[in-house]
């Protein structure tokens, strides 16, 4: 049982909880050189560089009932 963030009702037991992203932000990751050497089957002398990039980060994620998750964009 849980309380839905959108409709504020308490759901019955064994109801599937859906997570809905309410806020997110764009994030840019700078390139950097890998600090520790890779560990694995192959031993490499040089360490590969992290190219960086861009993406989105979740700021706020809330619990919603299945009906409200469909209305408000279940991700």
N, C-alpha and C. Protein backbone atom coordinates (compact mmCIF):
# COMPACT_ATOMS: atom_id res chain seq x y z
N UNK A 1 0.84 -1.18 0.00
CA UNK A 1 0.00 0.00 0.00
C UNK A 1 0.88 1.24 0.00
N UNK A 2 0.48 2.22 -0.73
CA UNK A 2 1.18 3.49 -0.78
C UNK A 2 0.20 4.58 -1.18
N UNK A 3 0.58 5.81 -0.95
CA UNK A 3 -0.25 6.96 -1.31
C UNK A 3 0.25 7.52 -2.64
N UNK A 4 -0.66 7.68 -3.58
CA UNK A 4 -0.32 8.23 -4.89
C UNK A 4 -0.03 9.72 -4.76
N UNK A 5 1.01 10.17 -5.42
CA UNK A 5 1.42 11.57 -5.36
C UNK A 5 0.40 12.48 -6.04
N UNK A 6 -0.21 12.03 -7.13
CA UNK A 6 -1.10 12.87 -7.93
C UNK A 6 -2.53 12.90 -7.41
N UNK A 7 -3.14 11.73 -7.18
CA UNK A 7 -4.54 11.70 -6.76
C UNK A 7 -4.69 11.61 -5.24
N UNK A 8 -3.61 11.42 -4.52
CA UNK A 8 -3.57 11.42 -3.06
C UNK A 8 -4.46 10.34 -2.44
N UNK A 9 -4.65 9.24 -3.16
CA UNK A 9 -5.44 8.14 -2.59
C UNK A 9 -4.50 7.00 -2.20
N UNK A 10 -4.91 6.21 -1.22
CA UNK A 10 -4.14 5.06 -0.78
C UNK A 10 -4.55 3.88 -1.64
N UNK A 11 -3.59 3.22 -2.24
CA UNK A 11 -3.87 2.12 -3.15
C UNK A 11 -4.08 0.83 -2.37
N UNK A 12 -4.80 -0.13 -2.93
CA UNK A 12 -4.99 -1.42 -2.26
C UNK A 12 -3.68 -2.21 -2.20
N UNK A 13 -3.61 -3.20 -1.32
CA UNK A 13 -2.39 -4.02 -1.23
C UNK A 13 -2.07 -4.71 -2.56
N UNK A 14 -0.79 -4.95 -2.79
CA UNK A 14 -0.26 -5.62 -3.99
C UNK A 14 -0.52 -4.86 -5.28
N UNK A 15 -0.70 -3.55 -5.20
CA UNK A 15 -0.83 -2.72 -6.39
C UNK A 15 0.57 -2.33 -6.85
N UNK A 16 0.80 -2.41 -8.14
CA UNK A 16 2.10 -2.06 -8.69
C UNK A 16 2.36 -0.57 -8.55
N UNK A 17 3.54 -0.25 -8.04
CA UNK A 17 3.94 1.14 -7.86
C UNK A 17 4.71 1.58 -9.10
N UNK A 18 4.35 2.72 -9.66
CA UNK A 18 5.04 3.26 -10.82
C UNK A 18 5.78 4.52 -10.42
N UNK A 19 6.98 4.67 -10.94
CA UNK A 19 7.76 5.88 -10.68
C UNK A 19 7.59 6.84 -11.85
N UNK A 20 7.25 8.08 -11.55
CA UNK A 20 7.06 9.10 -12.58
C UNK A 20 8.05 10.23 -12.33
N UNK A 21 8.78 10.60 -13.36
CA UNK A 21 9.75 11.69 -13.25
C UNK A 21 9.01 13.01 -13.33
N UNK A 22 9.16 13.83 -12.29
CA UNK A 22 8.48 15.12 -12.24
C UNK A 22 9.41 16.24 -12.69
N UNK A 23 10.67 16.17 -12.29
CA UNK A 23 11.65 17.20 -12.67
C UNK A 23 12.94 16.54 -13.13
N UNK A 24 13.55 17.11 -14.16
CA UNK A 24 14.87 16.68 -14.59
C UNK A 24 15.63 17.87 -15.13
N UNK A 25 16.94 17.71 -15.27
CA UNK A 25 17.78 18.80 -15.79
C UNK A 25 18.78 18.23 -16.78
N UNK A 26 19.21 19.08 -17.67
CA UNK A 26 20.24 18.70 -18.64
C UNK A 26 21.60 18.82 -17.97
N UNK A 27 22.47 17.86 -18.23
CA UNK A 27 23.78 17.84 -17.60
C UNK A 27 24.84 17.58 -18.65
N UNK A 28 25.94 18.29 -18.56
CA UNK A 28 27.07 18.11 -19.47
C UNK A 28 28.25 17.58 -18.68
N UNK A 29 28.81 16.48 -19.13
CA UNK A 29 29.95 15.86 -18.47
C UNK A 29 31.22 16.18 -19.26
N UNK A 30 32.19 16.72 -18.59
CA UNK A 30 33.46 17.08 -19.23
C UNK A 30 34.30 15.84 -19.49
N UNK A 31 35.19 15.92 -20.48
CA UNK A 31 36.07 14.80 -20.74
C UNK A 31 37.15 14.76 -19.67
N UNK A 32 37.63 13.55 -19.37
CA UNK A 32 38.66 13.40 -18.35
C UNK A 32 39.47 12.15 -18.66
N UNK A 33 40.62 12.11 -18.10
CA UNK A 33 41.50 10.96 -18.28
C UNK A 33 41.21 9.97 -17.16
N UNK A 34 41.16 8.69 -17.51
CA UNK A 34 40.88 7.66 -16.51
C UNK A 34 42.04 7.58 -15.52
N UNK A 35 41.73 7.58 -14.23
CA UNK A 35 42.77 7.62 -13.21
C UNK A 35 43.34 6.25 -12.89
N UNK A 36 42.52 5.23 -12.88
CA UNK A 36 43.02 3.90 -12.54
C UNK A 36 43.08 3.03 -13.79
N UNK A 37 44.05 2.13 -13.88
CA UNK A 37 44.14 1.27 -15.06
C UNK A 37 43.00 0.27 -15.09
N UNK A 38 42.67 -0.18 -16.28
CA UNK A 38 41.61 -1.17 -16.44
C UNK A 38 42.06 -2.51 -15.89
N UNK A 39 41.13 -3.22 -15.32
CA UNK A 39 41.41 -4.57 -14.85
C UNK A 39 40.52 -5.51 -15.66
N UNK A 40 41.11 -6.57 -16.15
CA UNK A 40 40.33 -7.49 -16.95
C UNK A 40 41.20 -8.56 -17.56
N UNK A 41 40.66 -9.23 -18.55
CA UNK A 41 41.38 -10.32 -19.18
C UNK A 41 42.60 -9.82 -19.94
N UNK A 42 42.47 -8.65 -20.57
CA UNK A 42 43.59 -8.09 -21.33
C UNK A 42 44.28 -7.01 -20.50
N UNK A 43 45.58 -7.03 -20.49
CA UNK A 43 46.34 -6.02 -19.77
C UNK A 43 46.79 -4.96 -20.77
N UNK A 44 46.38 -3.74 -20.56
CA UNK A 44 46.74 -2.64 -21.46
C UNK A 44 47.64 -1.66 -20.72
N UNK A 45 48.60 -1.13 -21.43
CA UNK A 45 49.53 -0.18 -20.82
C UNK A 45 48.92 1.21 -20.71
N UNK A 46 48.30 1.68 -21.78
CA UNK A 46 47.73 3.01 -21.75
C UNK A 46 46.33 2.97 -21.15
N UNK A 47 45.94 4.04 -20.50
CA UNK A 47 44.60 4.12 -19.92
C UNK A 47 43.73 4.93 -20.87
N UNK A 48 42.55 4.45 -21.21
CA UNK A 48 41.68 5.17 -22.14
C UNK A 48 41.09 6.42 -21.50
N UNK A 49 40.80 7.40 -22.31
CA UNK A 49 40.22 8.64 -21.83
C UNK A 49 38.69 8.54 -21.84
N UNK A 50 38.06 9.19 -20.87
CA UNK A 50 36.60 9.27 -20.82
C UNK A 50 36.20 10.45 -21.69
N UNK A 51 35.40 10.21 -22.72
CA UNK A 51 35.07 11.26 -23.68
C UNK A 51 34.08 12.29 -23.15
N UNK A 52 33.39 11.96 -22.06
CA UNK A 52 32.40 12.90 -21.55
C UNK A 52 31.14 12.82 -22.38
N UNK A 53 30.33 13.86 -22.33
CA UNK A 53 29.11 13.88 -23.12
C UNK A 53 28.02 14.67 -22.42
N UNK A 54 26.80 14.45 -22.83
CA UNK A 54 25.68 15.16 -22.23
C UNK A 54 24.53 14.19 -22.02
N UNK A 55 23.63 14.57 -21.13
CA UNK A 55 22.48 13.73 -20.83
C UNK A 55 21.54 14.46 -19.90
N UNK A 56 20.62 13.72 -19.33
CA UNK A 56 19.68 14.32 -18.39
C UNK A 56 19.75 13.59 -17.06
N UNK A 57 19.59 14.34 -15.97
CA UNK A 57 19.59 13.79 -14.63
C UNK A 57 18.22 14.00 -14.01
N UNK A 58 17.78 13.01 -13.24
CA UNK A 58 16.50 13.10 -12.56
C UNK A 58 16.68 13.92 -11.29
N UNK A 59 15.84 14.95 -11.11
CA UNK A 59 15.85 15.74 -9.89
C UNK A 59 14.83 15.21 -8.91
N UNK A 60 13.60 14.95 -9.40
CA UNK A 60 12.54 14.48 -8.52
C UNK A 60 11.75 13.38 -9.21
N UNK A 61 11.56 12.26 -8.49
CA UNK A 61 10.81 11.13 -9.00
C UNK A 61 9.80 10.75 -7.92
N UNK A 62 8.55 10.55 -8.29
CA UNK A 62 7.49 10.29 -7.31
C UNK A 62 6.80 8.96 -7.62
N UNK A 63 6.10 8.42 -6.61
CA UNK A 63 5.34 7.19 -6.77
C UNK A 63 3.91 7.52 -7.18
N UNK A 64 3.39 6.73 -8.12
CA UNK A 64 2.04 6.97 -8.61
C UNK A 64 1.32 5.65 -8.83
N UNK A 65 -0.01 5.70 -8.74
CA UNK A 65 -0.82 4.52 -9.04
C UNK A 65 -0.80 4.31 -10.55
N UNK A 66 -1.17 3.11 -11.02
CA UNK A 66 -1.11 2.84 -12.47
C UNK A 66 -1.93 3.81 -13.33
N UNK A 67 -3.09 4.23 -12.86
CA UNK A 67 -3.93 5.15 -13.65
C UNK A 67 -3.28 6.52 -13.79
N UNK A 68 -2.74 7.05 -12.70
CA UNK A 68 -2.08 8.36 -12.75
C UNK A 68 -0.76 8.30 -13.50
N UNK A 69 -0.08 7.16 -13.45
CA UNK A 69 1.19 7.01 -14.17
C UNK A 69 0.97 7.11 -15.66
N UNK A 70 -0.13 6.57 -16.16
CA UNK A 70 -0.44 6.66 -17.59
C UNK A 70 -0.76 8.10 -17.97
N UNK A 71 -1.52 8.80 -17.12
CA UNK A 71 -1.89 10.20 -17.41
C UNK A 71 -0.70 11.13 -17.40
N UNK A 72 0.20 10.95 -16.45
CA UNK A 72 1.30 11.90 -16.24
C UNK A 72 2.62 11.46 -16.85
N UNK A 73 2.60 10.46 -17.69
CA UNK A 73 3.81 10.09 -18.44
C UNK A 73 4.75 9.20 -17.68
N UNK A 74 4.42 7.93 -17.58
CA UNK A 74 5.28 6.95 -16.93
C UNK A 74 6.54 6.77 -17.77
N UNK A 75 7.70 6.90 -17.13
CA UNK A 75 8.98 6.75 -17.84
C UNK A 75 9.72 5.58 -17.30
